[in-house]
Amino acid sequence: ATNPFENAQICCGGVDTKEIDAKTMESNLVKDLYIAGELLDVDGICGGYNLQFAWSSGALAGIHAAKGMNKE
């Protein structure tokens, strides 16, 4: 059995990871759009994995978004 929604630590759904460049977190569909964290359809087990993914993917997206700004 599962706990009710009120006890949820994560929720499923979000942007399909196939639509994202995993090296930069940039959308494959929209140039210069970076997607990270809980906006993506990524579900980790309990124990901090979802938080770590959010922080790491956010840092990666930020680094590459900033690089894109320097090109202009």
PDB file of N, CA and C in Angstrom:
ATOM      1  N   ALA A   1       0.850  -1.191   0.000  1.00  0.00           N
ATOM      2  CA  ALA A   1       0.000   0.000   0.000  1.00  0.00           C
ATOM      3  C   ALA A   1       0.888   1.245   0.000  1.00  0.00           C
ATOM      4  N   THR A   2       0.297   2.345  -0.377  1.00  0.00           N
ATOM      5  CA  THR A   2       1.021   3.615  -0.382  1.00  0.00           C
ATOM      6  C   THR A   2       0.358   4.586   0.579  1.00  0.00           C
ATOM      7  N   ASN A   3       1.095   5.592   0.967  1.00  0.00           N
ATOM      8  CA  ASN A   3       0.556   6.640   1.833  1.00  0.00           C
ATOM      9  C   ASN A   3      -0.310   7.588   1.014  1.00  0.00           C
ATOM     10  N   PRO A   4      -1.150   8.374   1.663  1.00  0.00           N
ATOM     11  CA  PRO A   4      -1.975   9.342   0.932  1.00  0.00           C
ATOM     12  C   PRO A   4      -1.128  10.485   0.373  1.00  0.00           C
ATOM     13  N   PHE A   5      -1.718  11.258  -0.526  1.00  0.00           N
ATOM     14  CA  PHE A   5      -1.029  12.367  -1.182  1.00  0.00           C
ATOM     15  C   PHE A   5      -0.455  13.353  -0.160  1.00  0.00           C
ATOM     16  N   GLU A   6      -1.135  13.555   0.956  1.00  0.00           N
ATOM     17  CA  GLU A   6      -0.669  14.493   1.984  1.00  0.00           C
ATOM     18  C   GLU A   6       0.714  14.115   2.522  1.00  0.00           C
ATOM     19  N   ASN A   7       1.084  12.845   2.427  1.00  0.00           N
ATOM     20  CA  ASN A   7       2.386  12.379   2.912  1.00  0.00           C
ATOM     21  C   ASN A   7       3.424  12.267   1.796  1.00  0.00           C
ATOM     22  N   ALA A   8       3.072  12.708   0.614  1.00  0.00           N
ATOM     23  CA  ALA A   8       3.969  12.560  -0.536  1.00  0.00           C
ATOM     24  C   ALA A   8       5.254  13.373  -0.344  1.00  0.00           C
ATOM     25  N   GLN A   9       6.355  12.785  -0.745  1.00  0.00           N
ATOM     26  CA  GLN A   9       7.639  13.483  -0.734  1.00  0.00           C
ATOM     27  C   GLN A   9       8.025  13.923  -2.135  1.00  0.00           C
ATOM     28  N   ILE A  10       7.525  13.236  -3.128  1.00  0.00           N
ATOM     29  CA  ILE A  10       7.717  13.623  -4.525  1.00  0.00           C
ATOM     30  C   ILE A  10       6.428  13.329  -5.273  1.00  0.00           C
ATOM     31  N   CYS A  11       6.271  13.908  -6.430  1.00  0.00           N
ATOM     32  CA  CYS A  11       5.138  13.622  -7.306  1.00  0.00           C
ATOM     33  C   CYS A  11       5.686  13.314  -8.693  1.00  0.00           C
ATOM     34  N   CYS A  12       5.082  12.363  -9.362  1.00  0.00           N
ATOM     35  CA  CYS A  12       5.507  11.969 -10.704  1.00  0.00           C
ATOM     36  C   CYS A  12       5.039  12.994 -11.730  1.00  0.00           C
ATOM     37  N   GLY A  13       5.713  13.003 -12.853  1.00  0.00           N
ATOM     38  CA  GLY A  13       5.304  13.858 -13.963  1.00  0.00           C
ATOM     39  C   GLY A  13       6.306  14.957 -14.215  1.00  0.00           C
ATOM     40  N   GLY A  14       6.119  15.646 -15.296  1.00  0.00           N
ATOM     41  CA  GLY A  14       7.002  16.737 -15.686  1.00  0.00           C
ATOM     42  C   GLY A  14       7.502  16.533 -17.101  1.00  0.00           C
ATOM     43  N   VAL A  15       8.457  17.327 -17.486  1.00  0.00           N
ATOM     44  CA  VAL A  15       9.029  17.270 -18.830  1.00  0.00           C
ATOM     45  C   VAL A  15       9.779  15.951 -18.995  1.00  0.00           C
ATOM     46  N   ASP A  16       9.524  15.277 -20.091  1.00  0.00           N
ATOM     47  CA  ASP A  16      10.188  14.009 -20.397  1.00  0.00           C
ATOM     48  C   ASP A  16      11.688  14.247 -20.550  1.00  0.00           C
ATOM     49  N   THR A  17      12.486  13.444 -19.893  1.00  0.00           N
ATOM     50  CA  THR A  17      13.943  13.614 -19.947  1.00  0.00           C
ATOM     51  C   THR A  17      14.512  13.395 -21.350  1.00  0.00           C
ATOM     52  N   LYS A  18      13.769  12.747 -22.225  1.00  0.00           N
ATOM     53  CA  LYS A  18      14.218  12.563 -23.614  1.00  0.00           C
ATOM     54  C   LYS A  18      14.245  13.901 -24.355  1.00  0.00           C
ATOM     55  N   GLU A  19      13.543  14.903 -23.818  1.00  0.00           N
ATOM     56  CA  GLU A  19      13.475  16.219 -24.450  1.00  0.00           C
ATOM     57  C   GLU A  19      14.561  17.168 -23.953  1.00  0.00           C
ATOM     58  N   ILE A  20      15.488  16.658 -23.124  1.00  0.00           N
ATOM     59  CA  ILE A  20      16.513  17.487 -22.498  1.00  0.00           C
ATOM     60  C   ILE A  20      17.897  16.952 -22.813  1.00  0.00           C
ATOM     61  N   ASP A  21      18.842  17.846 -23.083  1.00  0.00           N
ATOM     62  CA  ASP A  21      20.245  17.457 -23.240  1.00  0.00           C
ATOM     63  C   ASP A  21      20.803  17.276 -21.834  1.00  0.00           C
ATOM     64  N   ALA A  22      21.119  16.061 -21.453  1.00  0.00           N
ATOM     65  CA  ALA A  22      21.555  15.747 -20.092  1.00  0.00           C
ATOM     66  C   ALA A  22      22.887  16.411 -19.724  1.00  0.00           C
ATOM     67  N   LYS A  23      23.665  16.810 -20.710  1.00  0.00           N
ATOM     68  CA  LYS A  23      24.962  17.438 -20.425  1.00  0.00           C
ATOM     69  C   LYS A  23      24.818  18.917 -20.075  1.00  0.00           C
ATOM     70  N   THR A  24      23.727  19.540 -20.551  1.00  0.00           N
ATOM     71  CA  THR A  24      23.552  20.980 -20.336  1.00  0.00           C
ATOM     72  C   THR A  24      22.219  21.335 -19.684  1.00  0.00           C
ATOM     73  N   MET A  25      21.276  20.413 -19.675  1.00  0.00           N
ATOM     74  CA  MET A  25      19.908  20.610 -19.195  1.00  0.00           C
ATOM     75  C   MET A  25      19.106  21.546 -20.115  1.00  0.00           C
ATOM     76  N   GLU A  26      19.595  21.743 -21.346  1.00  0.00           N
ATOM     77  CA  GLU A  26      18.877  22.580 -22.315  1.00  0.00           C
ATOM     78  C   GLU A  26      17.818  21.746 -23.023  1.00  0.00           C
ATOM     79  N   SER A  27      16.690  22.364 -23.274  1.00  0.00           N
ATOM     80  CA  SER A  27      15.610  21.707 -24.006  1.00  0.00           C
ATOM     81  C   SER A  27      16.075  21.379 -25.420  1.00  0.00           C
ATOM     82  N   ASN A  28      15.711  20.197 -25.900  1.00  0.00           N
ATOM     83  CA  ASN A  28      15.978  19.832 -27.289  1.00  0.00           C
ATOM     84  C   ASN A  28      14.948  20.449 -28.221  1.00  0.00           C
ATOM     85  N   LEU A  29      13.871  20.991 -27.645  1.00  0.00           N
ATOM     86  CA  LEU A  29      12.778  21.538 -28.446  1.00  0.00           C
ATOM     87  C   LEU A  29      12.818  23.066 -28.534  1.00  0.00           C
ATOM     88  N   VAL A  30      13.325  23.723 -27.479  1.00  0.00           N
ATOM     89  CA  VAL A  30      13.351  25.185 -27.429  1.00  0.00           C
ATOM     90  C   VAL A  30      14.760  25.641 -27.064  1.00  0.00           C
ATOM     91  N   LYS A  31      15.432  26.283 -28.009  1.00  0.00           N
ATOM     92  CA  LYS A  31      16.800  26.749 -27.778  1.00  0.00           C
ATOM     93  C   LYS A  31      16.832  27.746 -26.621  1.00  0.00           C
ATOM     94  N   ASP A  32      17.874  27.656 -25.800  1.00  0.00           N
ATOM     95  CA  ASP A  32      18.109  28.546 -24.660  1.00  0.00           C
ATOM     96  C   ASP A  32      17.081  28.400 -23.535  1.00  0.00           C
ATOM     97  N   LEU A  33      16.351  27.293 -23.517  1.00  0.00           N
ATOM     98  CA  LEU A  33      15.447  26.986 -22.412  1.00  0.00           C
ATOM     99  C   LEU A  33      16.082  25.852 -21.614  1.00  0.00           C
ATOM    100  N   TYR A  34      16.381  26.115 -20.361  1.00  0.00           N
ATOM    101  CA  TYR A  34      17.034  25.143 -19.494  1.00  0.00           C
ATOM    102  C   TYR A  34      16.032  24.679 -18.439  1.00  0.00           C
ATOM    103  N   ILE A  35      15.939  23.379 -18.264  1.00  0.00           N
ATOM    104  CA  ILE A  35      14.936  22.797 -17.369  1.00  0.00           C
ATOM    105  C   ILE A  35      15.653  21.910 -16.360  1.00  0.00           C
ATOM    106  N   ALA A  36      15.287  22.056 -15.079  1.00  0.00           N
ATOM    107  CA  ALA A  36      15.986  21.318 -14.028  1.00  0.00           C
ATOM    108  C   ALA A  36      15.034  20.954 -12.891  1.00  0.00           C
ATOM    109  N   GLY A  37      15.533  20.113 -11.999  1.00  0.00           N
ATOM    110  CA  GLY A  37      14.822  19.787 -10.767  1.00  0.00           C
ATOM    111  C   GLY A  37      13.480  19.133 -10.985  1.00  0.00           C
ATOM    112  N   GLU A  38      12.499  19.564 -10.201  1.00  0.00           N
ATOM    113  CA  GLU A  38      11.190  18.932 -10.213  1.00  0.00           C
ATOM    114  C   GLU A  38      10.346  19.292 -11.427  1.00  0.00           C
ATOM    115  N   LEU A  39      10.877  20.113 -12.322  1.00  0.00           N
ATOM    116  CA  LEU A  39      10.182  20.352 -13.588  1.00  0.00           C
ATOM    117  C   LEU A  39      10.316  19.147 -14.510  1.00  0.00           C
ATOM    118  N   LEU A  40      11.294  18.287 -14.225  1.00  0.00           N
ATOM    119  CA  LEU A  40      11.544  17.102 -15.040  1.00  0.00           C
ATOM    120  C   LEU A  40      10.852  15.873 -14.459  1.00  0.00           C
ATOM    121  N   ASP A  41      10.556  14.918 -15.304  1.00  0.00           N
ATOM    122  CA  ASP A  41       9.934  13.662 -14.875  1.00  0.00           C
ATOM    123  C   ASP A  41      11.022  12.721 -14.360  1.00  0.00           C
ATOM    124  N   VAL A  42      11.500  13.007 -13.150  1.00  0.00           N
ATOM    125  CA  VAL A  42      12.536  12.201 -12.504  1.00  0.00           C
ATOM    126  C   VAL A  42      12.054  11.898 -11.089  1.00  0.00           C
ATOM    127  N   ASP A  43      12.010  10.631 -10.738  1.00  0.00           N
ATOM    128  CA  ASP A  43      11.585  10.205  -9.399  1.00  0.00           C
ATOM    129  C   ASP A  43      12.677   9.347  -8.785  1.00  0.00           C
ATOM    130  N   GLY A  44      13.294   9.835  -7.742  1.00  0.00           N
ATOM    131  CA  GLY A  44      14.298   9.061  -7.029  1.00  0.00           C
ATOM    132  C   GLY A  44      13.694   8.467  -5.766  1.00  0.00           C
ATOM    133  N   ILE A  45      14.390   7.503  -5.204  1.00  0.00           N
ATOM    134  CA  ILE A  45      13.926   6.927  -3.946  1.00  0.00           C
ATOM    135  C   ILE A  45      14.161   7.929  -2.820  1.00  0.00           C
ATOM    136  N   CYS A  46      13.493   7.737  -1.706  1.00  0.00           N
ATOM    137  CA  CYS A  46      13.661   8.618  -0.543  1.00  0.00           C
ATOM    138  C   CYS A  46      15.097   8.517  -0.025  1.00  0.00           C
ATOM    139  N   GLY A  47      15.561   9.577   0.573  1.00  0.00           N
ATOM    140  CA  GLY A  47      16.905   9.577   1.130  1.00  0.00           C
ATOM    141  C   GLY A  47      17.733  10.731   0.612  1.00  0.00           C
ATOM    142  N   GLY A  48      17.089  11.732   0.036  1.00  0.00           N
ATOM    143  CA  GLY A  48      17.809  12.901  -0.448  1.00  0.00           C
ATOM    144  C   GLY A  48      18.160  12.877  -1.916  1.00  0.00           C
ATOM    145  N   TYR A  49      17.827  11.793  -2.604  1.00  0.00           N
ATOM    146  CA  TYR A  49      18.190  11.674  -4.018  1.00  0.00           C
ATOM    147  C   TYR A  49      17.480  12.717  -4.881  1.00  0.00           C
ATOM    148  N   ASN A  50      16.224  12.987  -4.597  1.00  0.00           N
ATOM    149  CA  ASN A  50      15.476  13.978  -5.375  1.00  0.00           C
ATOM    150  C   ASN A  50      16.011  15.385  -5.127  1.00  0.00           C
ATOM    151  N   LEU A  51      16.352  15.681  -3.872  1.00  0.00           N
ATOM    152  CA  LEU A  51      16.953  16.981  -3.575  1.00  0.00           C
ATOM    153  C   LEU A  51      18.301  17.125  -4.272  1.00  0.00           C
ATOM    154  N   GLN A  52      19.116  16.086  -4.219  1.00  0.00           N
ATOM    155  CA  GLN A  52      20.428  16.152  -4.862  1.00  0.00           C
ATOM    156  C   GLN A  52      20.288  16.347  -6.363  1.00  0.00           C
ATOM    157  N   PHE A  53      19.311  15.657  -6.967  1.00  0.00           N
ATOM    158  CA  PHE A  53      19.091  15.841  -8.403  1.00  0.00           C
ATOM    159  C   PHE A  53      18.675  17.279  -8.699  1.00  0.00           C
ATOM    160  N   ALA A  54      17.805  17.837  -7.871  1.00  0.00           N
ATOM    161  CA  ALA A  54      17.349  19.213  -8.086  1.00  0.00           C
ATOM    162  C   ALA A  54      18.527  20.184  -8.008  1.00  0.00           C
ATOM    163  N   TRP A  55      19.372  20.028  -6.991  1.00  0.00           N
ATOM    164  CA  TRP A  55      20.517  20.926  -6.840  1.00  0.00           C
ATOM    165  C   TRP A  55      21.520  20.758  -7.979  1.00  0.00           C
ATOM    166  N   SER A  56      21.836  19.530  -8.304  1.00  0.00           N
ATOM    167  CA  SER A  56      22.848  19.261  -9.340  1.00  0.00           C
ATOM    168  C   SER A  56      22.369  19.685 -10.719  1.00  0.00           C
ATOM    169  N   SER A  57      21.134  19.347 -11.064  1.00  0.00           N
ATOM    170  CA  SER A  57      20.628  19.724 -12.387  1.00  0.00           C
ATOM    171  C   SER A  57      20.450  21.236 -12.477  1.00  0.00           C
ATOM    172  N   GLY A  58      20.076  21.874 -11.366  1.00  0.00           N
ATOM    173  CA  GLY A  58      19.952  23.335 -11.355  1.00  0.00           C
ATOM    174  C   GLY A  58      21.293  24.021 -11.559  1.00  0.00           C
ATOM    175  N   ALA A  59      22.327  23.494 -10.899  1.00  0.00           N
ATOM    176  CA  ALA A  59      23.671  24.051 -11.068  1.00  0.00           C
ATOM    177  C   ALA A  59      24.140  23.881 -12.509  1.00  0.00           C
ATOM    178  N   LEU A  60      23.916  22.705 -13.066  1.00  0.00           N
ATOM    179  CA  LEU A  60      24.318  22.426 -14.450  1.00  0.00           C
ATOM    180  C   LEU A  60      23.586  23.352 -15.420  1.00  0.00           C
ATOM    181  N   ALA A  61      22.284  23.495 -15.230  1.00  0.00           N
ATOM    182  CA  ALA A  61      21.498  24.388 -16.093  1.00  0.00           C
ATOM    183  C   ALA A  61      21.985  25.824 -15.970  1.00  0.00           C
ATOM    184  N   GLY A  62      22.254  26.267 -14.748  1.00  0.00           N
ATOM    185  CA  GLY A  62      22.722  27.639 -14.541  1.00  0.00           C
ATOM    186  C   GLY A  62      24.060  27.914 -15.187  1.00  0.00           C
ATOM    187  N   ILE A  63      24.971  26.978 -15.066  1.00  0.00           N
ATOM    188  CA  ILE A  63      26.299  27.124 -15.679  1.00  0.00           C
ATOM    189  C   ILE A  63      26.173  27.283 -17.192  1.00  0.00           C
ATOM    190  N   HIS A  64      25.379  26.423 -17.813  1.00  0.00           N
ATOM    191  CA  HIS A  64      25.267  26.461 -19.273  1.00  0.00           C
ATOM    192  C   HIS A  64      24.419  27.633 -19.762  1.00  0.00           C
ATOM    193  N   ALA A  65      23.420  28.037 -18.987  1.00  0.00           N
ATOM    194  CA  ALA A  65      22.646  29.221 -19.353  1.00  0.00           C
ATOM    195  C   ALA A  65      23.535  30.455 -19.311  1.00  0.00           C
ATOM    196  N   ALA A  66      24.391  30.553 -18.299  1.00  0.00           N
ATOM    197  CA  ALA A  66      25.307  31.688 -18.186  1.00  0.00           C
ATOM    198  C   ALA A  66      26.306  31.711 -19.336  1.00  0.00           C
ATOM    199  N   LYS A  67      26.792  30.550 -19.749  1.00  0.00           N
ATOM    200  CA  LYS A  67      27.711  30.474 -20.890  1.00  0.00           C
ATOM    201  C   LYS A  67      27.031  31.002 -22.144  1.00  0.00           C
ATOM    202  N   GLY A  68      25.756  30.680 -22.295  1.00  0.00           N
ATOM    203  CA  GLY A  68      25.003  31.156 -23.460  1.00  0.00           C
ATOM    204  C   GLY A  68      24.857  32.660 -23.455  1.00  0.00           C
ATOM    205  N   MET A  69      24.745  33.265 -22.273  1.00  0.00           N
ATOM    206  CA  MET A  69      24.623  34.716 -22.173  1.00  0.00           C
ATOM    207  C   MET A  69      25.917  35.405 -22.568  1.00  0.00           C
ATOM    208  N   ASN A  70      27.049  34.750 -22.323  1.00  0.00           N
ATOM    209  CA  ASN A  70      28.335  35.349 -22.648  1.00  0.00           C
ATOM    210  C   ASN A  70      28.600  35.388 -24.142  1.00  0.00           C
ATOM    211  N   LYS A  71      27.849  34.622 -24.936  1.00  0.00           N
ATOM    212  CA  LYS A  71      28.049  34.600 -26.382  1.00  0.00           C
ATOM    213  C   LYS A  71      27.484  35.852 -27.038  1.00  0.00           C
ATOM    214  N   GLU A  72      26.558  36.500 -26.349  1.00  0.00           N
ATOM    215  CA  GLU A  72      25.885  37.670 -26.941  1.00  0.00           C
ATOM    216  C   GLU A  72      26.656  38.940 -26.765  1.00  0.00           C
TER     217      GLU A  72
END
